[in-house]
Amino acid sequence: MNPKDKIYWIKISFAIITALICGFFDMSGWYGLFFGLFMLLTAYYISLFLVRREIEEIGGVWTVFFTGLFTYIFLWLVIWSLIYTATIK
């Protein structure tokens, strides 16, 4: 598995986990947004740790951050919205 694939899968996994936590713990508004951003930064640092030897091959630290960024945001928001809508009391 090449380093960019690892980064994508880490961010996809974190997006799903974050959306499940935000949805089932009724995080809404700013709490959910800040938790999602915190988990994005956590996924970024874990990605840096896992591909630390191949950073130059990938294209640098910014490439690690932007790889899978929009996938994370889209997947997190869609799953969070679906769960939040399904669990409205």
N, C-alpha and C. Protein backbone atom coordinates (compact mmCIF):
# COMPACT_ATOMS: atom_id res chain seq x y z
N MET A 1 0.86 -1.17 0.00
CA MET A 1 0.00 0.00 0.00
C MET A 1 0.91 1.23 0.00
N ASN A 2 0.65 2.12 -0.94
CA ASN A 2 1.50 3.31 -0.98
C ASN A 2 1.09 4.32 0.09
N PRO A 3 1.95 5.29 0.40
CA PRO A 3 1.68 6.22 1.51
C PRO A 3 0.40 7.03 1.34
N LYS A 4 0.07 7.44 0.13
CA LYS A 4 -1.16 8.23 -0.05
C LYS A 4 -2.41 7.39 0.24
N ASP A 5 -2.36 6.11 -0.09
CA ASP A 5 -3.48 5.24 0.24
C ASP A 5 -3.65 5.11 1.74
N LYS A 6 -2.55 5.03 2.46
CA LYS A 6 -2.62 4.97 3.92
C LYS A 6 -3.28 6.23 4.48
N ILE A 7 -2.90 7.38 3.94
CA ILE A 7 -3.47 8.64 4.42
C ILE A 7 -4.97 8.68 4.14
N TYR A 8 -5.39 8.29 2.94
CA TYR A 8 -6.82 8.27 2.62
C TYR A 8 -7.59 7.37 3.57
N TRP A 9 -7.09 6.17 3.81
CA TRP A 9 -7.81 5.24 4.67
C TRP A 9 -7.85 5.70 6.11
N ILE A 10 -6.79 6.34 6.58
CA ILE A 10 -6.80 6.89 7.94
C ILE A 10 -7.87 7.97 8.05
N LYS A 11 -7.92 8.86 7.08
CA LYS A 11 -8.90 9.96 7.15
C LYS A 11 -10.32 9.47 6.95
N ILE A 12 -10.52 8.47 6.09
CA ILE A 12 -11.86 7.90 5.92
C ILE A 12 -12.31 7.23 7.21
N SER A 13 -11.42 6.48 7.85
CA SER A 13 -11.75 5.81 9.12
C SER A 13 -12.09 6.83 10.19
N PHE A 14 -11.29 7.88 10.30
CA PHE A 14 -11.55 8.91 11.30
C PHE A 14 -12.84 9.66 11.01
N ALA A 15 -13.16 9.88 9.75
CA ALA A 15 -14.41 10.57 9.41
C ALA A 15 -15.62 9.74 9.84
N ILE A 16 -15.57 8.45 9.61
CA ILE A 16 -16.69 7.58 10.00
C ILE A 16 -16.82 7.52 11.52
N ILE A 17 -15.70 7.33 12.20
CA ILE A 17 -15.73 7.28 13.68
C ILE A 17 -16.22 8.59 14.26
N THR A 18 -15.73 9.71 13.72
CA THR A 18 -16.14 11.02 14.22
C THR A 18 -17.62 11.26 13.98
N ALA A 19 -18.11 10.89 12.82
CA ALA A 19 -19.53 11.07 12.52
C ALA A 19 -20.40 10.22 13.44
N LEU A 20 -19.98 9.01 13.71
CA LEU A 20 -20.75 8.15 14.63
C LEU A 20 -20.78 8.74 16.03
N ILE A 21 -19.65 9.23 16.50
CA ILE A 21 -19.60 9.84 17.83
C ILE A 21 -20.46 11.10 17.88
N CYS A 22 -20.32 11.97 16.87
CA CYS A 22 -21.13 13.19 16.84
C CYS A 22 -22.62 12.90 16.75
N GLY A 23 -22.98 11.90 15.97
CA GLY A 23 -24.39 11.58 15.79
C GLY A 23 -25.03 10.93 16.99
N PHE A 24 -24.36 9.95 17.57
CA PHE A 24 -24.97 9.20 18.66
C PHE A 24 -24.85 9.87 20.02
N PHE A 25 -23.93 10.82 20.16
CA PHE A 25 -23.82 11.57 21.41
C PHE A 25 -24.48 12.93 21.32
N ASP A 26 -25.32 13.11 20.31
CA ASP A 26 -26.11 14.33 20.11
C ASP A 26 -25.27 15.60 20.14
N MET A 27 -24.11 15.56 19.52
CA MET A 27 -23.31 16.78 19.39
C MET A 27 -23.91 17.60 18.25
N SER A 28 -24.21 18.83 18.53
CA SER A 28 -24.75 19.69 17.49
C SER A 28 -24.08 21.05 17.58
N GLY A 29 -24.14 21.77 16.51
CA GLY A 29 -23.60 23.12 16.49
C GLY A 29 -22.09 23.15 16.64
N TRP A 30 -21.64 24.05 17.48
CA TRP A 30 -20.21 24.29 17.64
C TRP A 30 -19.47 23.11 18.25
N TYR A 31 -20.14 22.38 19.15
CA TYR A 31 -19.48 21.23 19.77
C TYR A 31 -19.10 20.17 18.73
N GLY A 32 -20.03 19.88 17.86
CA GLY A 32 -19.76 18.90 16.81
C GLY A 32 -18.71 19.39 15.83
N LEU A 33 -18.76 20.68 15.49
CA LEU A 33 -17.80 21.25 14.56
C LEU A 33 -16.39 21.20 15.15
N PHE A 34 -16.24 21.63 16.39
CA PHE A 34 -14.92 21.62 17.01
C PHE A 34 -14.40 20.20 17.23
N PHE A 35 -15.30 19.28 17.56
CA PHE A 35 -14.87 17.89 17.71
C PHE A 35 -14.42 17.31 16.37
N GLY A 36 -15.13 17.64 15.30
CA GLY A 36 -14.74 17.19 13.97
C GLY A 36 -13.39 17.75 13.55
N LEU A 37 -13.15 19.01 13.84
CA LEU A 37 -11.84 19.61 13.51
C LEU A 37 -10.73 19.02 14.37
N PHE A 38 -11.03 18.76 15.63
CA PHE A 38 -10.04 18.12 16.50
C PHE A 38 -9.67 16.74 15.99
N MET A 39 -10.66 15.98 15.55
CA MET A 39 -10.38 14.65 15.03
C MET A 39 -9.65 14.70 13.69
N LEU A 40 -9.90 15.75 12.90
CA LEU A 40 -9.16 15.93 11.65
C LEU A 40 -7.69 16.16 11.94
N LEU A 41 -7.39 17.00 12.93
CA LEU A 41 -6.00 17.22 13.31
C LEU A 41 -5.37 15.96 13.88
N THR A 42 -6.15 15.19 14.62
CA THR A 42 -5.64 13.92 15.15
C THR A 42 -5.31 12.96 14.01
N ALA A 43 -6.18 12.88 13.02
CA ALA A 43 -5.92 12.03 11.85
C ALA A 43 -4.69 12.51 11.09
N TYR A 44 -4.50 13.82 11.02
CA TYR A 44 -3.33 14.38 10.36
C TYR A 44 -2.04 13.97 11.06
N TYR A 45 -2.01 14.08 12.38
CA TYR A 45 -0.80 13.73 13.12
C TYR A 45 -0.53 12.22 13.09
N ILE A 46 -1.57 11.42 13.10
CA ILE A 46 -1.38 9.98 12.98
C ILE A 46 -0.86 9.64 11.58
N SER A 47 -1.37 10.34 10.55
CA SER A 47 -0.87 10.13 9.20
C SER A 47 0.60 10.52 9.09
N LEU A 48 0.96 11.64 9.71
CA LEU A 48 2.37 12.05 9.71
C LEU A 48 3.25 10.99 10.38
N PHE A 49 2.77 10.44 11.47
CA PHE A 49 3.54 9.44 12.19
C PHE A 49 3.71 8.17 11.36
N LEU A 50 2.66 7.75 10.67
CA LEU A 50 2.73 6.50 9.92
C LEU A 50 3.52 6.60 8.62
N VAL A 51 3.59 7.78 8.02
CA VAL A 51 4.32 7.93 6.75
C VAL A 51 5.53 8.85 6.91
N ARG A 52 6.08 8.92 8.09
CA ARG A 52 7.16 9.86 8.37
C ARG A 52 8.40 9.61 7.52
N ARG A 53 8.62 8.40 7.10
CA ARG A 53 9.81 8.11 6.29
C ARG A 53 9.59 8.41 4.81
N GLU A 54 8.34 8.50 4.39
CA GLU A 54 8.04 8.74 2.98
C GLU A 54 7.50 10.13 2.71
N ILE A 55 7.69 11.08 3.62
CA ILE A 55 7.11 12.41 3.45
C ILE A 55 7.67 13.10 2.21
N GLU A 56 8.97 12.97 1.95
CA GLU A 56 9.54 13.60 0.76
C GLU A 56 9.01 12.94 -0.51
N GLU A 57 8.77 11.64 -0.45
CA GLU A 57 8.23 10.93 -1.61
C GLU A 57 6.81 11.39 -1.92
N ILE A 58 6.04 11.68 -0.89
CA ILE A 58 4.66 12.12 -1.06
C ILE A 58 4.60 13.54 -1.61
N GLY A 59 5.44 14.40 -1.11
CA GLY A 59 5.42 15.79 -1.57
C GLY A 59 5.47 16.80 -0.45
N GLY A 60 5.66 16.36 0.77
CA GLY A 60 5.78 17.29 1.88
C GLY A 60 4.64 17.17 2.88
N VAL A 61 4.77 17.97 3.91
CA VAL A 61 3.82 17.94 5.03
C VAL A 61 2.45 18.45 4.60
N TRP A 62 2.42 19.47 3.74
CA TRP A 62 1.14 20.02 3.31
C TRP A 62 0.36 19.02 2.45
N THR A 63 1.08 18.21 1.70
CA THR A 63 0.41 17.19 0.90
C THR A 63 -0.24 16.15 1.81
N VAL A 64 0.41 15.84 2.93
CA VAL A 64 -0.20 14.91 3.90
C VAL A 64 -1.49 15.51 4.45
N PHE A 65 -1.49 16.82 4.72
CA PHE A 65 -2.68 17.46 5.26
C PHE A 65 -3.81 17.50 4.23
N PHE A 66 -3.50 17.88 2.99
CA PHE A 66 -4.56 18.06 1.99
C PHE A 66 -5.01 16.77 1.33
N THR A 67 -4.25 15.71 1.43
CA THR A 67 -4.66 14.43 0.87
C THR A 67 -5.81 13.87 1.70
N GLY A 68 -6.94 13.72 1.10
CA GLY A 68 -8.10 13.17 1.78
C GLY A 68 -8.86 14.18 2.63
N LEU A 69 -8.49 15.46 2.57
CA LEU A 69 -9.15 16.47 3.40
C LEU A 69 -10.63 16.61 3.04
N PHE A 70 -10.93 16.78 1.76
CA PHE A 70 -12.32 16.98 1.36
C PHE A 70 -13.13 15.69 1.48
N THR A 71 -12.47 14.56 1.33
CA THR A 71 -13.14 13.28 1.57
C THR A 71 -13.55 13.17 3.03
N TYR A 72 -12.65 13.55 3.94
CA TYR A 72 -12.95 13.54 5.37
C TYR A 72 -14.13 14.45 5.67
N ILE A 73 -14.06 15.69 5.21
CA ILE A 73 -15.11 16.67 5.53
C ILE A 73 -16.46 16.21 4.98
N PHE A 74 -16.49 15.78 3.72
CA PHE A 74 -17.75 15.36 3.11
C PHE A 74 -18.34 14.14 3.80
N LEU A 75 -17.51 13.14 4.02
CA LEU A 75 -18.00 11.90 4.64
C LEU A 75 -18.47 12.15 6.07
N TRP A 76 -17.71 12.93 6.82
CA TRP A 76 -18.08 13.25 8.20
C TRP A 76 -19.41 13.99 8.25
N LEU A 77 -19.58 15.01 7.41
CA LEU A 77 -20.82 15.79 7.44
C LEU A 77 -22.03 14.98 6.98
N VAL A 78 -21.86 14.17 5.96
CA VAL A 78 -22.99 13.39 5.45
C VAL A 78 -23.44 12.34 6.47
N ILE A 79 -22.50 11.59 7.02
CA ILE A 79 -22.87 10.55 7.99
C ILE A 79 -23.42 11.19 9.26
N TRP A 80 -22.81 12.27 9.72
CA TRP A 80 -23.29 12.96 10.92
C TRP A 80 -24.71 13.47 10.69
N SER A 81 -24.98 14.06 9.53
CA SER A 81 -26.31 14.57 9.24
C SER A 81 -27.35 13.45 9.17
N LEU A 82 -26.99 12.34 8.56
CA LEU A 82 -27.92 11.22 8.47
C LEU A 82 -28.25 10.65 9.85
N ILE A 83 -27.23 10.46 10.66
CA ILE A 83 -27.46 9.92 12.00
C ILE A 83 -28.24 10.90 12.85
N TYR A 84 -27.88 12.17 12.78
CA TYR A 84 -28.57 13.19 13.58
C TYR A 84 -30.03 13.29 13.18
N THR A 85 -30.31 13.21 11.88
CA THR A 85 -31.68 13.27 11.40
C THR A 85 -32.46 12.02 11.82
N ALA A 86 -31.82 10.88 11.78
CA ALA A 86 -32.49 9.63 12.15
C ALA A 86 -32.76 9.52 13.64
N THR A 87 -31.99 10.21 14.46
CA THR A 87 -32.14 10.08 15.90
C THR A 87 -32.83 11.28 16.55
N ILE A 88 -33.44 12.14 15.74
CA ILE A 88 -34.18 13.28 16.32
C ILE A 88 -35.35 12.74 17.11
N LYS A 89 -35.52 13.25 18.31
CA LYS A 89 -36.58 12.76 19.20
C LYS A 89 -37.87 13.52 19.00
